[in-house]
Amino acid sequence: MKRLSLLIGLLFALVAPGALAQSRAAAPASSLIDLNSASRDDLMTLDGIGEVRADAIIRARPFRAKTELVERRLIPEALYDKIADKVMARPVPGTAPTPVTRPPAKKS
């Protein structure tokens, strides 16, 4: 009986850190804040995003990628690093994706 409880304790000790690491992983898509549709209040729940930055994000919509927050100088890169795993930029319905342009074929 002692062996069994020792074995269970050892097994738990080996499995628990993996489960803990999974819980710290990036949030599932359903709990991410969509930059293209989030309300001002939703945006303000992010660390470092106050009224002014939330309003600037809303005015700058739509976003094709969340990295545009830094590219458009809406937030500094250090702040982006803190919130990147909490946000996403879902395509806006009814907008066409940017077409891929190819260089003209060379004639031989």
PDB file of N, CA and C in Angstrom:
ATOM      1  N   MET A   1       0.827  -1.198   0.000  1.00  0.00           N
ATOM      2  CA  MET A   1       0.000   0.000   0.000  1.00  0.00           C
ATOM      3  C   MET A   1       0.865   1.253   0.000  1.00  0.00           C
ATOM      4  N   LYS A   2       1.942   1.225   0.788  1.00  0.00           N
ATOM      5  CA  LYS A   2       2.841   2.356   0.832  1.00  0.00           C
ATOM      6  C   LYS A   2       3.484   2.596  -0.534  1.00  0.00           C
ATOM      7  N   ARG A   3       3.832   1.493  -1.185  1.00  0.00           N
ATOM      8  CA  ARG A   3       4.431   1.603  -2.518  1.00  0.00           C
ATOM      9  C   ARG A   3       3.469   2.250  -3.507  1.00  0.00           C
ATOM     10  N   LEU A   4       2.215   1.862  -3.436  1.00  0.00           N
ATOM     11  CA  LEU A   4       1.214   2.397  -4.359  1.00  0.00           C
ATOM     12  C   LEU A   4       1.055   3.901  -4.156  1.00  0.00           C
ATOM     13  N   SER A   5       0.956   4.344  -2.907  1.00  0.00           N
ATOM     14  CA  SER A   5       0.804   5.772  -2.662  1.00  0.00           C
ATOM     15  C   SER A   5       2.072   6.523  -3.052  1.00  0.00           C
ATOM     16  N   LEU A   6       3.249   5.921  -2.869  1.00  0.00           N
ATOM     17  CA  LEU A   6       4.495   6.534  -3.290  1.00  0.00           C
ATOM     18  C   LEU A   6       4.543   6.643  -4.813  1.00  0.00           C
ATOM     19  N   LEU A   7       4.099   5.594  -5.500  1.00  0.00           N
ATOM     20  CA  LEU A   7       4.070   5.591  -6.956  1.00  0.00           C
ATOM     21  C   LEU A   7       3.098   6.641  -7.493  1.00  0.00           C
ATOM     22  N   ILE A   8       1.938   6.755  -6.875  1.00  0.00           N
ATOM     23  CA  ILE A   8       0.954   7.761  -7.284  1.00  0.00           C
ATOM     24  C   ILE A   8       1.513   9.161  -7.050  1.00  0.00           C
ATOM     25  N   GLY A   9       2.157   9.380  -5.915  1.00  0.00           N
ATOM     26  CA  GLY A   9       2.754  10.676  -5.618  1.00  0.00           C
ATOM     27  C   GLY A   9       3.842  11.031  -6.619  1.00  0.00           C
ATOM     28  N   LEU A  10       4.678  10.049  -6.968  1.00  0.00           N
ATOM     29  CA  LEU A  10       5.731  10.277  -7.949  1.00  0.00           C
ATOM     30  C   LEU A  10       5.143  10.581  -9.323  1.00  0.00           C
ATOM     31  N   LEU A  11       4.123   9.829  -9.707  1.00  0.00           N
ATOM     32  CA  LEU A  11       3.468  10.056 -10.997  1.00  0.00           C
ATOM     33  C   LEU A  11       2.855  11.449 -11.046  1.00  0.00           C
ATOM     34  N   PHE A  12       2.202  11.851  -9.966  1.00  0.00           N
ATOM     35  CA  PHE A  12       1.605  13.186  -9.912  1.00  0.00           C
ATOM     36  C   PHE A  12       2.683  14.266 -10.021  1.00  0.00           C
ATOM     37  N   ALA A  13       3.807  14.064  -9.353  1.00  0.00           N
ATOM     38  CA  ALA A  13       4.895  15.038  -9.390  1.00  0.00           C
ATOM     39  C   ALA A  13       5.462  15.183 -10.800  1.00  0.00           C
ATOM     40  N   LEU A  14       5.460  14.106 -11.569  1.00  0.00           N
ATOM     41  CA  LEU A  14       5.973  14.167 -12.935  1.00  0.00           C
ATOM     42  C   LEU A  14       4.973  14.783 -13.906  1.00  0.00           C
ATOM     43  N   VAL A  15       3.691  14.545 -13.687  1.00  0.00           N
ATOM     44  CA  VAL A  15       2.658  15.026 -14.598  1.00  0.00           C
ATOM     45  C   VAL A  15       2.240  16.459 -14.275  1.00  0.00           C
ATOM     46  N   ALA A  16       2.201  16.851 -13.037  1.00  0.00           N
ATOM     47  CA  ALA A  16       1.703  18.163 -12.629  1.00  0.00           C
ATOM     48  C   ALA A  16       2.446  19.336 -13.271  1.00  0.00           C
ATOM     49  N   PRO A  17       3.773  19.320 -13.351  1.00  0.00           N
ATOM     50  CA  PRO A  17       4.433  20.477 -13.991  1.00  0.00           C
ATOM     51  C   PRO A  17       4.009  20.664 -15.447  1.00  0.00           C
ATOM     52  N   GLY A  18       3.780  19.592 -16.184  1.00  0.00           N
ATOM     53  CA  GLY A  18       3.313  19.696 -17.567  1.00  0.00           C
ATOM     54  C   GLY A  18       1.926  20.305 -17.639  1.00  0.00           C
ATOM     55  N   ALA A  19       1.067  19.917 -16.731  1.00  0.00           N
ATOM     56  CA  ALA A  19      -0.290  20.471 -16.705  1.00  0.00           C
ATOM     57  C   ALA A  19      -0.246  21.944 -16.329  1.00  0.00           C
ATOM     58  N   LEU A  20       0.636  22.298 -15.412  1.00  0.00           N
ATOM     59  CA  LEU A  20       0.773  23.688 -15.010  1.00  0.00           C
ATOM     60  C   LEU A  20       1.288  24.534 -16.167  1.00  0.00           C
ATOM     61  N   ALA A  21       2.243  24.005 -16.906  1.00  0.00           N
ATOM     62  CA  ALA A  21       2.785  24.740 -18.054  1.00  0.00           C
ATOM     63  C   ALA A  21       1.709  24.962 -19.110  1.00  0.00           C
ATOM     64  N   GLN A  22       0.848  23.991 -19.311  1.00  0.00           N
ATOM     65  CA  GLN A  22      -0.227  24.143 -20.290  1.00  0.00           C
ATOM     66  C   GLN A  22      -1.191  25.235 -19.869  1.00  0.00           C
ATOM     67  N   SER A  23      -1.451  25.363 -18.569  1.00  0.00           N
ATOM     68  CA  SER A  23      -2.384  26.383 -18.113  1.00  0.00           C
ATOM     69  C   SER A  23      -1.804  27.781 -18.281  1.00  0.00           C
ATOM     70  N   ARG A  24      -0.457  27.904 -18.316  1.00  0.00           N
ATOM     71  CA  ARG A  24       0.183  29.192 -18.514  1.00  0.00           C
ATOM     72  C   ARG A  24       0.375  29.520 -19.994  1.00  0.00           C
ATOM     73  N   ALA A  25       0.069  28.597 -20.871  1.00  0.00           N
ATOM     74  CA  ALA A  25       0.252  28.817 -22.308  1.00  0.00           C
ATOM     75  C   ALA A  25      -0.695  29.902 -22.792  1.00  0.00           C
ATOM     76  N   ALA A  26      -0.533  30.303 -24.036  1.00  0.00           N
ATOM     77  CA  ALA A  26      -1.380  31.354 -24.620  1.00  0.00           C
ATOM     78  C   ALA A  26      -2.856  31.015 -24.445  1.00  0.00           C
ATOM     79  N   ALA A  27      -3.638  32.039 -24.278  1.00  0.00           N
ATOM     80  CA  ALA A  27      -5.072  31.864 -24.072  1.00  0.00           C
ATOM     81  C   ALA A  27      -5.724  31.279 -25.324  1.00  0.00           C
ATOM     82  N   PRO A  28      -6.768  30.463 -25.148  1.00  0.00           N
ATOM     83  CA  PRO A  28      -7.462  29.942 -26.320  1.00  0.00           C
ATOM     84  C   PRO A  28      -8.115  31.072 -27.106  1.00  0.00           C
ATOM     85  N   ALA A  29      -8.309  30.844 -28.383  1.00  0.00           N
ATOM     86  CA  ALA A  29      -8.840  31.888 -29.269  1.00  0.00           C
ATOM     87  C   ALA A  29     -10.144  32.485 -28.758  1.00  0.00           C
ATOM     88  N   SER A  30     -10.957  31.697 -28.084  1.00  0.00           N
ATOM     89  CA  SER A  30     -12.247  32.197 -27.611  1.00  0.00           C
ATOM     90  C   SER A  30     -12.098  33.266 -26.525  1.00  0.00           C
ATOM     91  N   SER A  31     -10.980  33.280 -25.805  1.00  0.00           N
ATOM     92  CA  SER A  31     -10.809  34.278 -24.751  1.00  0.00           C
ATOM     93  C   SER A  31      -9.887  35.425 -25.170  1.00  0.00           C
ATOM     94  N   LEU A  32      -9.428  35.413 -26.415  1.00  0.00           N
ATOM     95  CA  LEU A  32      -8.594  36.506 -26.901  1.00  0.00           C
ATOM     96  C   LEU A  32      -9.458  37.725 -27.216  1.00  0.00           C
ATOM     97  N   ILE A  33      -8.891  38.896 -27.052  1.00  0.00           N
ATOM     98  CA  ILE A  33      -9.596  40.127 -27.371  1.00  0.00           C
ATOM     99  C   ILE A  33      -9.320  40.462 -28.830  1.00  0.00           C
ATOM    100  N   ASP A  34     -10.393  40.590 -29.608  1.00  0.00           N
ATOM    101  CA  ASP A  34     -10.271  40.895 -31.036  1.00  0.00           C
ATOM    102  C   ASP A  34     -10.133  42.398 -31.206  1.00  0.00           C
ATOM    103  N   LEU A  35      -9.004  42.815 -31.747  1.00  0.00           N
ATOM    104  CA  LEU A  35      -8.741  44.246 -31.939  1.00  0.00           C
ATOM    105  C   LEU A  35      -9.747  44.913 -32.857  1.00  0.00           C
ATOM    106  N   ASN A  36     -10.354  44.149 -33.752  1.00  0.00           N
ATOM    107  CA  ASN A  36     -11.280  44.720 -34.728  1.00  0.00           C
ATOM    108  C   ASN A  36     -12.718  44.846 -34.224  1.00  0.00           C
ATOM    109  N   SER A  37     -13.040  44.212 -33.116  1.00  0.00           N
ATOM    110  CA  SER A  37     -14.428  44.279 -32.648  1.00  0.00           C
ATOM    111  C   SER A  37     -14.580  44.559 -31.154  1.00  0.00           C
ATOM    112  N   ALA A  38     -13.497  44.571 -30.424  1.00  0.00           N
ATOM    113  CA  ALA A  38     -13.586  44.761 -28.969  1.00  0.00           C
ATOM    114  C   ALA A  38     -14.085  46.153 -28.619  1.00  0.00           C
ATOM    115  N   SER A  39     -14.828  46.215 -27.540  1.00  0.00           N
ATOM    116  CA  SER A  39     -15.300  47.511 -27.052  1.00  0.00           C
ATOM    117  C   SER A  39     -14.151  48.245 -26.364  1.00  0.00           C
ATOM    118  N   ARG A  40     -14.380  49.500 -26.124  1.00  0.00           N
ATOM    119  CA  ARG A  40     -13.388  50.319 -25.412  1.00  0.00           C
ATOM    120  C   ARG A  40     -13.077  49.705 -24.051  1.00  0.00           C
ATOM    121  N   ASP A  41     -14.128  49.278 -23.347  1.00  0.00           N
ATOM    122  CA  ASP A  41     -13.943  48.681 -22.020  1.00  0.00           C
ATOM    123  C   ASP A  41     -13.148  47.386 -22.100  1.00  0.00           C
ATOM    124  N   ASP A  42     -13.407  46.578 -23.135  1.00  0.00           N
ATOM    125  CA  ASP A  42     -12.656  45.326 -23.301  1.00  0.00           C
ATOM    126  C   ASP A  42     -11.179  45.614 -23.529  1.00  0.00           C
ATOM    127  N   LEU A  43     -10.892  46.587 -24.375  1.00  0.00           N
ATOM    128  CA  LEU A  43      -9.499  46.939 -24.641  1.00  0.00           C
ATOM    129  C   LEU A  43      -8.811  47.456 -23.383  1.00  0.00           C
ATOM    130  N   MET A  44      -9.550  48.170 -22.558  1.00  0.00           N
ATOM    131  CA  MET A  44      -8.975  48.738 -21.342  1.00  0.00           C
ATOM    132  C   MET A  44      -8.694  47.696 -20.266  1.00  0.00           C
ATOM    133  N   THR A  45      -9.150  46.467 -20.455  1.00  0.00           N
ATOM    134  CA  THR A  45      -8.809  45.406 -19.504  1.00  0.00           C
ATOM    135  C   THR A  45      -7.379  44.919 -19.711  1.00  0.00           C
ATOM    136  N   LEU A  46      -6.773  45.277 -20.832  1.00  0.00           N
ATOM    137  CA  LEU A  46      -5.394  44.882 -21.115  1.00  0.00           C
ATOM    138  C   LEU A  46      -4.438  45.773 -20.332  1.00  0.00           C
ATOM    139  N   ASP A  47      -3.372  45.177 -19.800  1.00  0.00           N
ATOM    140  CA  ASP A  47      -2.362  45.942 -19.065  1.00  0.00           C
ATOM    141  C   ASP A  47      -1.772  47.023 -19.961  1.00  0.00           C
ATOM    142  N   GLY A  48      -1.739  48.241 -19.479  1.00  0.00           N
ATOM    143  CA  GLY A  48      -1.120  49.333 -20.216  1.00  0.00           C
ATOM    144  C   GLY A  48      -2.013  50.015 -21.231  1.00  0.00           C
ATOM    145  N   ILE A  49      -3.251  49.546 -21.381  1.00  0.00           N
ATOM    146  CA  ILE A  49      -4.180  50.163 -22.321  1.00  0.00           C
ATOM    147  C   ILE A  49      -5.215  50.946 -21.516  1.00  0.00           C
ATOM    148  N   GLY A  50      -5.128  52.256 -21.602  1.00  0.00           N
ATOM    149  CA  GLY A  50      -6.083  53.123 -20.923  1.00  0.00           C
ATOM    150  C   GLY A  50      -7.061  53.700 -21.933  1.00  0.00           C
ATOM    151  N   GLU A  51      -7.750  54.735 -21.534  1.00  0.00           N
ATOM    152  CA  GLU A  51      -8.762  55.352 -22.394  1.00  0.00           C
ATOM    153  C   GLU A  51      -8.180  55.864 -23.707  1.00  0.00           C
ATOM    154  N   VAL A  52      -7.053  56.554 -23.622  1.00  0.00           N
ATOM    155  CA  VAL A  52      -6.460  57.172 -24.815  1.00  0.00           C
ATOM    156  C   VAL A  52      -6.019  56.110 -25.814  1.00  0.00           C
ATOM    157  N   ARG A  53      -5.311  55.100 -25.347  1.00  0.00           N
ATOM    158  CA  ARG A  53      -4.847  54.044 -26.257  1.00  0.00           C
ATOM    159  C   ARG A  53      -6.011  53.222 -26.792  1.00  0.00           C
ATOM    160  N   ALA A  54      -6.999  52.943 -25.970  1.00  0.00           N
ATOM    161  CA  ALA A  54      -8.167  52.191 -26.436  1.00  0.00           C
ATOM    162  C   ALA A  54      -8.875  52.962 -27.556  1.00  0.00           C
ATOM    163  N   ASP A  55      -9.040  54.262 -27.374  1.00  0.00           N
ATOM    164  CA  ASP A  55      -9.675  55.085 -28.412  1.00  0.00           C
ATOM    165  C   ASP A  55      -8.831  55.102 -29.689  1.00  0.00           C
ATOM    166  N   ALA A  56      -7.508  55.169 -29.543  1.00  0.00           N
ATOM    167  CA  ALA A  56      -6.626  55.178 -30.714  1.00  0.00           C
ATOM    168  C   ALA A  56      -6.722  53.856 -31.476  1.00  0.00           C
ATOM    169  N   ILE A  57      -6.812  52.748 -30.763  1.00  0.00           N
ATOM    170  CA  ILE A  57      -6.946  51.432 -31.396  1.00  0.00           C
ATOM    171  C   ILE A  57      -8.258  51.367 -32.170  1.00  0.00           C
ATOM    172  N   ILE A  58      -9.323  51.848 -31.567  1.00  0.00           N
ATOM    173  CA  ILE A  58     -10.634  51.816 -32.227  1.00  0.00           C
ATOM    174  C   ILE A  58     -10.619  52.678 -33.488  1.00  0.00           C
ATOM    175  N   ARG A  59     -10.001  53.858 -33.425  1.00  0.00           N
ATOM    176  CA  ARG A  59      -9.929  54.740 -34.606  1.00  0.00           C
ATOM    177  C   ARG A  59      -9.081  54.144 -35.719  1.00  0.00           C
ATOM    178  N   ALA A  60      -8.094  53.327 -35.372  1.00  0.00           N
ATOM    179  CA  ALA A  60      -7.168  52.774 -36.367  1.00  0.00           C
ATOM    180  C   ALA A  60      -7.692  51.499 -37.036  1.00  0.00           C
ATOM    181  N   ARG A  61      -8.856  51.026 -36.661  1.00  0.00           N
ATOM    182  CA  ARG A  61      -9.404  49.803 -37.254  1.00  0.00           C
ATOM    183  C   ARG A  61      -9.661  49.977 -38.735  1.00  0.00           C
ATOM    184  N   PRO A  62      -9.619  48.927 -39.522  1.00  0.00           N
ATOM    185  CA  PRO A  62      -9.388  47.527 -39.169  1.00  0.00           C
ATOM    186  C   PRO A  62      -7.895  47.182 -39.192  1.00  0.00           C
ATOM    187  N   PHE A  63      -7.565  46.121 -38.474  1.00  0.00           N
ATOM    188  CA  PHE A  63      -6.217  45.585 -38.424  1.00  0.00           C
ATOM    189  C   PHE A  63      -6.180  44.269 -39.180  1.00  0.00           C
ATOM    190  N   ARG A  64      -5.121  44.054 -39.946  1.00  0.00           N
ATOM    191  CA  ARG A  64      -4.930  42.756 -40.614  1.00  0.00           C
ATOM    192  C   ARG A  64      -4.156  41.812 -39.708  1.00  0.00           C
ATOM    193  N   ALA A  65      -3.320  42.373 -38.847  1.00  0.00           N
ATOM    194  CA  ALA A  65      -2.510  41.582 -37.916  1.00  0.00           C
ATOM    195  C   ALA A  65      -2.330  42.384 -36.639  1.00  0.00           C
ATOM    196  N   LYS A  66      -2.202  41.674 -35.542  1.00  0.00           N
ATOM    197  CA  LYS A  66      -2.045  42.360 -34.264  1.00  0.00           C
ATOM    198  C   LYS A  66      -0.724  43.118 -34.172  1.00  0.00           C
ATOM    199  N   THR A  67       0.250  42.724 -34.973  1.00  0.00           N
ATOM    200  CA  THR A  67       1.539  43.418 -34.973  1.00  0.00           C
ATOM    201  C   THR A  67       1.416  44.856 -35.475  1.00  0.00           C
ATOM    202  N   GLU A  68       0.317  45.174 -36.135  1.00  0.00           N
ATOM    203  CA  GLU A  68       0.103  46.541 -36.612  1.00  0.00           C
ATOM    204  C   GLU A  68      -0.010  47.538 -35.460  1.00  0.00           C
ATOM    205  N   LEU A  69      -0.283  47.055 -34.254  1.00  0.00           N
ATOM    206  CA  LEU A  69      -0.313  47.954 -33.096  1.00  0.00           C
ATOM    207  C   LEU A  69       1.030  48.668 -32.944  1.00  0.00           C
ATOM    208  N   VAL A  70       2.109  47.936 -33.162  1.00  0.00           N
ATOM    209  CA  VAL A  70       3.445  48.512 -33.072  1.00  0.00           C
ATOM    210  C   VAL A  70       3.817  49.194 -34.385  1.00  0.00           C
ATOM    211  N   GLU A  71       3.512  48.536 -35.503  1.00  0.00           N
ATOM    212  CA  GLU A  71       3.872  49.091 -36.811  1.00  0.00           C
ATOM    213  C   GLU A  71       3.250  50.470 -37.035  1.00  0.00           C
ATOM    214  N   ARG A  72       2.043  50.668 -36.553  1.00  0.00           N
ATOM    215  CA  ARG A  72       1.370  51.967 -36.695  1.00  0.00           C
ATOM    216  C   ARG A  72       1.663  52.906 -35.528  1.00  0.00           C
ATOM    217  N   ARG A  73       2.540  52.477 -34.651  1.00  0.00           N
ATOM    218  CA  ARG A  73       2.969  53.265 -33.486  1.00  0.00           C
ATOM    219  C   ARG A  73       1.826  53.609 -32.531  1.00  0.00           C
ATOM    220  N   LEU A  74       0.896  52.689 -32.379  1.00  0.00           N
ATOM    221  CA  LEU A  74      -0.196  52.886 -31.424  1.00  0.00           C
ATOM    222  C   LEU A  74       0.257  52.557 -30.008  1.00  0.00           C
ATOM    223  N   ILE A  75       1.162  51.568 -29.894  1.00  0.00           N
ATOM    224  CA  ILE A  75       1.719  51.191 -28.599  1.00  0.00           C
ATOM    225  C   ILE A  75       3.201  50.885 -28.781  1.00  0.00           C
ATOM    226  N   PRO A  76       3.996  51.034 -27.722  1.00  0.00           N
ATOM    227  CA  PRO A  76       5.405  50.673 -27.823  1.00  0.00           C
ATOM    228  C   PRO A  76       5.599  49.155 -27.851  1.00  0.00           C
ATOM    229  N   GLU A  77       6.721  48.721 -28.383  1.00  0.00           N
ATOM    230  CA  GLU A  77       6.991  47.294 -28.520  1.00  0.00           C
ATOM    231  C   GLU A  77       7.006  46.578 -27.168  1.00  0.00           C
ATOM    232  N   ALA A  78       7.508  47.215 -26.131  1.00  0.00           N
ATOM    233  CA  ALA A  78       7.541  46.597 -24.800  1.00  0.00           C
ATOM    234  C   ALA A  78       6.130  46.285 -24.302  1.00  0.00           C
ATOM    235  N   LEU A  79       5.195  47.192 -24.556  1.00  0.00           N
ATOM    236  CA  LEU A  79       3.808  46.954 -24.164  1.00  0.00           C
ATOM    237  C   LEU A  79       3.197  45.841 -25.021  1.00  0.00           C
ATOM    238  N   TYR A  80       3.514  45.849 -26.314  1.00  0.00           N
ATOM    239  CA  TYR A  80       3.009  44.797 -27.197  1.00  0.00           C
ATOM    240  C   TYR A  80       3.455  43.418 -26.703  1.00  0.00           C
ATOM    241  N   ASP A  81       4.697  43.308 -26.271  1.00  0.00           N
ATOM    242  CA  ASP A  81       5.202  42.032 -25.767  1.00  0.00           C
ATOM    243  C   ASP A  81       4.389  41.533 -24.572  1.00  0.00           C
ATOM    244  N   LYS A  82       3.854  42.460 -23.770  1.00  0.00           N
ATOM    245  CA  LYS A  82       3.050  42.077 -22.601  1.00  0.00           C
ATOM    246  C   LYS A  82       1.651  41.606 -22.981  1.00  0.00           C
ATOM    247  N   ILE A  83       1.077  42.160 -24.051  1.00  0.00           N
ATOM    248  CA  ILE A  83      -0.323  41.848 -24.369  1.00  0.00           C
ATOM    249  C   ILE A  83      -0.506  40.980 -25.608  1.00  0.00           C
ATOM    250  N   ALA A  84       0.572  40.658 -26.314  1.00  0.00           N
ATOM    251  CA  ALA A  84       0.464  39.941 -27.591  1.00  0.00           C
ATOM    252  C   ALA A  84      -0.279  38.611 -27.465  1.00  0.00           C
ATOM    253  N   ASP A  85      -0.122  37.922 -26.345  1.00  0.00           N
ATOM    254  CA  ASP A  85      -0.785  36.631 -26.187  1.00  0.00           C
ATOM    255  C   ASP A  85      -2.237  36.771 -25.726  1.00  0.00           C
ATOM    256  N   LYS A  86      -2.722  37.995 -25.591  1.00  0.00           N
ATOM    257  CA  LYS A  86      -4.097  38.230 -25.147  1.00  0.00           C
ATOM    258  C   LYS A  86      -4.981  38.841 -26.232  1.00  0.00           C
ATOM    259  N   VAL A  87      -4.369  39.183 -27.386  1.00  0.00           N
ATOM    260  CA  VAL A  87      -5.124  39.846 -28.453  1.00  0.00           C
ATOM    261  C   VAL A  87      -4.984  39.106 -29.776  1.00  0.00           C
ATOM    262  N   MET A  88      -5.906  39.407 -30.674  1.00  0.00           N
ATOM    263  CA  MET A  88      -5.872  38.872 -32.029  1.00  0.00           C
ATOM    264  C   MET A  88      -6.519  39.883 -32.957  1.00  0.00           C
ATOM    265  N   ALA A  89      -6.331  39.707 -34.251  1.00  0.00           N
ATOM    266  CA  ALA A  89      -6.963  40.588 -35.238  1.00  0.00           C
ATOM    267  C   ALA A  89      -7.720  39.697 -36.220  1.00  0.00           C
ATOM    268  N   ARG A  90      -8.970  39.451 -35.901  1.00  0.00           N
ATOM    269  CA  ARG A  90      -9.824  38.638 -36.770  1.00  0.00           C
ATOM    270  C   ARG A  90     -10.247  39.490 -37.959  1.00  0.00           C
ATOM    271  N   PRO A  91     -10.213  38.927 -39.183  1.00  0.00           N
ATOM    272  CA  PRO A  91     -10.623  39.710 -40.362  1.00  0.00           C
ATOM    273  C   PRO A  91     -12.047  40.245 -40.208  1.00  0.00           C
ATOM    274  N   VAL A  92     -12.240  41.447 -40.688  1.00  0.00           N
ATOM    275  CA  VAL A  92     -13.556  42.076 -40.621  1.00  0.00           C
ATOM    276  C   VAL A  92     -14.426  41.471 -41.719  1.00  0.00           C
ATOM    277  N   PRO A  93     -15.640  41.013 -41.392  1.00  0.00           N
ATOM    278  CA  PRO A  93     -16.521  40.446 -42.414  1.00  0.00           C
ATOM    279  C   PRO A  93     -16.818  41.469 -43.508  1.00  0.00           C
ATOM    280  N   GLY A  94     -16.825  41.007 -44.741  1.00  0.00           N
ATOM    281  CA  GLY A  94     -17.158  41.878 -45.857  1.00  0.00           C
ATOM    282  C   GLY A  94     -15.974  42.617 -46.446  1.00  0.00           C
ATOM    283  N   THR A  95     -14.799  42.413 -45.868  1.00  0.00           N
ATOM    284  CA  THR A  95     -13.617  43.040 -46.459  1.00  0.00           C
ATOM    285  C   THR A  95     -12.847  41.989 -47.224  1.00  0.00           C
ATOM    286  N   ALA A  96     -12.403  42.364 -48.383  1.00  0.00           N
ATOM    287  CA  ALA A  96     -11.661  41.432 -49.215  1.00  0.00           C
ATOM    288  C   ALA A  96     -10.212  41.377 -48.756  1.00  0.00           C
ATOM    289  N   PRO A  97      -9.630  40.187 -48.790  1.00  0.00           N
ATOM    290  CA  PRO A  97      -8.213  40.107 -48.426  1.00  0.00           C
ATOM    291  C   PRO A  97      -7.363  40.822 -49.475  1.00  0.00           C
ATOM    292  N   THR A  98      -6.213  41.275 -49.048  1.00  0.00           N
ATOM    293  CA  THR A  98      -5.310  41.954 -49.965  1.00  0.00           C
ATOM    294  C   THR A  98      -4.817  40.968 -51.010  1.00  0.00           C
ATOM    295  N   PRO A  99      -4.985  41.296 -52.301  1.00  0.00           N
ATOM    296  CA  PRO A  99      -4.556  40.350 -53.333  1.00  0.00           C
ATOM    297  C   PRO A  99      -3.043  40.246 -53.399  1.00  0.00           C
ATOM    298  N   VAL A 100      -2.589  39.073 -53.751  1.00  0.00           N
ATOM    299  CA  VAL A 100      -1.161  38.830 -53.904  1.00  0.00           C
ATOM    300  C   VAL A 100      -0.802  39.203 -55.330  1.00  0.00           C
ATOM    301  N   THR A 101       0.167  40.080 -55.475  1.00  0.00           N
ATOM    302  CA  THR A 101       0.590  40.472 -56.812  1.00  0.00           C
ATOM    303  C   THR A 101       1.848  39.703 -57.182  1.00  0.00           C
ATOM    304  N   ARG A 102       1.868  39.256 -58.397  1.00  0.00           N
ATOM    305  CA  ARG A 102       3.030  38.487 -58.883  1.00  0.00           C
ATOM    306  C   ARG A 102       3.722  39.285 -59.972  1.00  0.00           C
ATOM    307  N   PRO A 103       5.034  39.178 -60.025  1.00  0.00           N
ATOM    308  CA  PRO A 103       5.734  39.890 -61.095  1.00  0.00           C
ATOM    309  C   PRO A 103       5.376  39.262 -62.447  1.00  0.00           C
ATOM    310  N   PRO A 104       5.408  40.053 -63.508  1.00  0.00           N
ATOM    311  CA  PRO A 104       5.071  39.496 -64.824  1.00  0.00           C
ATOM    312  C   PRO A 104       6.070  38.410 -65.223  1.00  0.00           C
ATOM    313  N   ALA A 105       5.572  37.420 -65.919  1.00  0.00           N
ATOM    314  CA  ALA A 105       6.417  36.310 -66.377  1.00  0.00           C
ATOM    315  C   ALA A 105       7.387  36.807 -67.433  1.00  0.00           C
ATOM    316  N   LYS A 106       8.590  36.289 -67.373  1.00  0.00           N
ATOM    317  CA  LYS A 106       9.604  36.677 -68.358  1.00  0.00           C
ATOM    318  C   LYS A 106       9.351  35.897 -69.648  1.00  0.00           C
ATOM    319  N   LYS A 107       9.459  36.569 -70.763  1.00  0.00           N
ATOM    320  CA  LYS A 107       9.315  35.907 -72.050  1.00  0.00           C
ATOM    321  C   LYS A 107      10.707  35.529 -72.553  1.00  0.00           C
ATOM    322  N   SER A 108      10.797  34.326 -73.041  1.00  0.00           N
ATOM    323  CA  SER A 108      12.097  33.898 -73.554  1.00  0.00           C
ATOM    324  C   SER A 108      12.089  33.748 -75.042  1.00  0.00           C
TER     325      SER A 108
END
